[in-house]
Amino acid sequence: KIGNHVMIGGQAGISGHISIADGSKINGKSGVTKTIKEPNKSFNGHPAYDFAASMRVHALSRTLPEMEKRIKELEKMVQQLLSERVNA
């Protein structure tokens, strides 16, 4: 069942036997695999999930190489501190 005032973008897919709440916006090329209960929200991706969350993930994905480098540096620092502590 598709609620009132739902907007579905091009090439979006919707599994059978689910419901979509009133005012939902399904972005193009998104895949809806579960019932959407909360009205007036936008969804993106496959499987479709909250649009705001998908934009945060997209923004963070651009910084992953730098984050990986920083994590490796921090791991080295932690190992060094632990070995200094054991040797003290």
C-alpha atoms as a PDB file:
ATOM      1  CA  LYS A   1       0.000   0.000   0.000  1.00  0.00           C
ATOM      2  CA  ILE A   2       1.357   3.398  -0.992  1.00  0.00           C
ATOM      3  CA  GLY A   3       0.184   6.294   1.200  1.00  0.00           C
ATOM      4  CA  ASN A   4      -1.086   9.702   0.145  1.00  0.00           C
ATOM      5  CA  HIS A   5       1.281  12.269  -1.381  1.00  0.00           C
ATOM      6  CA  VAL A   6       4.138   9.784  -1.789  1.00  0.00           C
ATOM      7  CA  MET A   7       6.774  10.710  -4.375  1.00  0.00           C
ATOM      8  CA  ILE A   8       8.750   7.911  -6.019  1.00  0.00           C
ATOM      9  CA  GLY A   9      11.777   8.756  -8.165  1.00  0.00           C
ATOM     10  CA  GLY A  10      12.632   7.102 -11.454  1.00  0.00           C
ATOM     11  CA  GLN A  11      13.973   3.562 -11.455  1.00  0.00           C
ATOM     12  CA  ALA A  12      13.080   3.093  -7.780  1.00  0.00           C
ATOM     13  CA  GLY A  13      12.106  -0.421  -6.800  1.00  0.00           C
ATOM     14  CA  ILE A  14       9.545  -1.413  -4.184  1.00  0.00           C
ATOM     15  CA  SER A  15       9.147  -4.953  -2.868  1.00  0.00           C
ATOM     16  CA  GLY A  16       5.665  -6.382  -2.881  1.00  0.00           C
ATOM     17  CA  HIS A  17       3.438  -6.583   0.207  1.00  0.00           C
ATOM     18  CA  ILE A  18       4.880  -3.555   2.020  1.00  0.00           C
ATOM     19  CA  SER A  19       3.379  -0.209   2.997  1.00  0.00           C
ATOM     20  CA  ILE A  20       4.791   3.269   2.482  1.00  0.00           C
ATOM     21  CA  ALA A  21       3.696   6.034   4.883  1.00  0.00           C
ATOM     22  CA  ASP A  22       2.012   9.242   3.732  1.00  0.00           C
ATOM     23  CA  GLY A  23       4.299  11.969   2.413  1.00  0.00           C
ATOM     24  CA  SER A  24       7.309   9.691   1.928  1.00  0.00           C
ATOM     25  CA  LYS A  25       9.853  10.547  -0.752  1.00  0.00           C
ATOM     26  CA  ILE A  26      11.711   7.667  -2.379  1.00  0.00           C
ATOM     27  CA  ASN A  27      14.704   8.958  -4.343  1.00  0.00           C
ATOM     28  CA  GLY A  28      15.513   7.614  -7.783  1.00  0.00           C
ATOM     29  CA  LYS A  29      17.254   4.244  -8.034  1.00  0.00           C
ATOM     30  CA  SER A  30      16.413   3.475  -4.393  1.00  0.00           C
ATOM     31  CA  GLY A  31      15.211   0.051  -3.322  1.00  0.00           C
ATOM     32  CA  VAL A  32      12.500  -0.176  -0.678  1.00  0.00           C
ATOM     33  CA  THR A  33      12.553  -3.618   0.935  1.00  0.00           C
ATOM     34  CA  LYS A  34      10.754  -2.925   4.225  1.00  0.00           C
ATOM     35  CA  THR A  35       7.603  -1.110   5.279  1.00  0.00           C
ATOM     36  CA  ILE A  36       8.071   2.624   5.863  1.00  0.00           C
ATOM     37  CA  LYS A  37       5.990   3.573   8.905  1.00  0.00           C
ATOM     38  CA  GLU A  38       7.150   7.121   9.690  1.00  0.00           C
ATOM     39  CA  PRO A  39       5.459   9.726   7.438  1.00  0.00           C
ATOM     40  CA  ASN A  40       7.067  12.668   5.635  1.00  0.00           C
ATOM     41  CA  LYS A  41      10.631  11.335   5.421  1.00  0.00           C
ATOM     42  CA  SER A  42      12.971  10.935   2.457  1.00  0.00           C
ATOM     43  CA  PHE A  43      14.758   7.691   1.627  1.00  0.00           C
ATOM     44  CA  ASN A  44      17.804   6.940  -0.481  1.00  0.00           C
ATOM     45  CA  GLY A  45      19.932   3.957  -1.503  1.00  0.00           C
ATOM     46  CA  HIS A  46      19.482   0.223  -1.684  1.00  0.00           C
ATOM     47  CA  PRO A  47      18.124  -0.873   0.603  1.00  0.00           C
ATOM     48  CA  ALA A  48      16.524   2.525   1.058  1.00  0.00           C
ATOM     49  CA  TYR A  49      17.252   4.284   4.340  1.00  0.00           C
ATOM     50  CA  ASP A  50      16.871   7.750   5.814  1.00  0.00           C
ATOM     51  CA  PHE A  51      18.123  10.374   3.360  1.00  0.00           C
ATOM     52  CA  ALA A  52      19.890  12.506   6.003  1.00  0.00           C
ATOM     53  CA  ALA A  53      21.808   9.454   7.244  1.00  0.00           C
ATOM     54  CA  SER A  54      22.760   8.502   3.682  1.00  0.00           C
ATOM     55  CA  MET A  55      24.155  11.995   3.083  1.00  0.00           C
ATOM     56  CA  ARG A  56      26.273  11.776   6.269  1.00  0.00           C
ATOM     57  CA  VAL A  57      27.647   8.422   5.116  1.00  0.00           C
ATOM     58  CA  HIS A  58      28.426   9.849   1.682  1.00  0.00           C
ATOM     59  CA  ALA A  59      30.204  12.866   3.171  1.00  0.00           C
ATOM     60  CA  LEU A  60      32.275  10.688   5.520  1.00  0.00           C
ATOM     61  CA  SER A  61      33.215   8.257   2.761  1.00  0.00           C
ATOM     62  CA  ARG A  62      35.316  10.974   1.129  1.00  0.00           C
ATOM     63  CA  THR A  63      37.516  11.206   4.237  1.00  0.00           C
ATOM     64  CA  LEU A  64      38.025   7.462   4.761  1.00  0.00           C
ATOM     65  CA  PRO A  65      41.626   7.356   3.463  1.00  0.00           C
ATOM     66  CA  GLU A  66      42.666  10.112   5.875  1.00  0.00           C
ATOM     67  CA  MET A  67      40.788   8.468   8.742  1.00  0.00           C
ATOM     68  CA  GLU A  68      42.484   5.136   8.022  1.00  0.00           C
ATOM     69  CA  LYS A  69      45.902   6.800   8.078  1.00  0.00           C
ATOM     70  CA  ARG A  70      45.110   8.568  11.366  1.00  0.00           C
ATOM     71  CA  ILE A  71      43.837   5.352  12.971  1.00  0.00           C
ATOM     72  CA  LYS A  72      47.050   3.543  12.023  1.00  0.00           C
ATOM     73  CA  GLU A  73      49.100   6.379  13.527  1.00  0.00           C
ATOM     74  CA  LEU A  74      47.067   6.246  16.734  1.00  0.00           C
ATOM     75  CA  GLU A  75      47.428   2.463  16.935  1.00  0.00           C
ATOM     76  CA  LYS A  76      51.220   2.828  16.703  1.00  0.00           C
ATOM     77  CA  MET A  77      51.155   5.447  19.458  1.00  0.00           C
ATOM     78  CA  VAL A  78      49.050   3.207  21.700  1.00  0.00           C
ATOM     79  CA  GLN A  79      51.382   0.251  21.119  1.00  0.00           C
ATOM     80  CA  GLN A  80      54.394   2.419  21.903  1.00  0.00           C
ATOM     81  CA  LEU A  81      52.802   3.702  25.115  1.00  0.00           C
ATOM     82  CA  LEU A  82      51.864   0.168  26.173  1.00  0.00           C
ATOM     83  CA  SER A  83      55.374  -1.142  25.553  1.00  0.00           C
ATOM     84  CA  GLU A  84      56.883   1.793  27.474  1.00  0.00           C
ATOM     85  CA  ARG A  85      54.510   1.060  30.344  1.00  0.00           C
ATOM     86  CA  VAL A  86      55.504  -2.619  30.419  1.00  0.00           C
ATOM     87  CA  ASN A  87      59.217  -1.743  30.318  1.00  0.00           C
ATOM     88  CA  ALA A  88      58.931   0.885  33.067  1.00  0.00           C
END
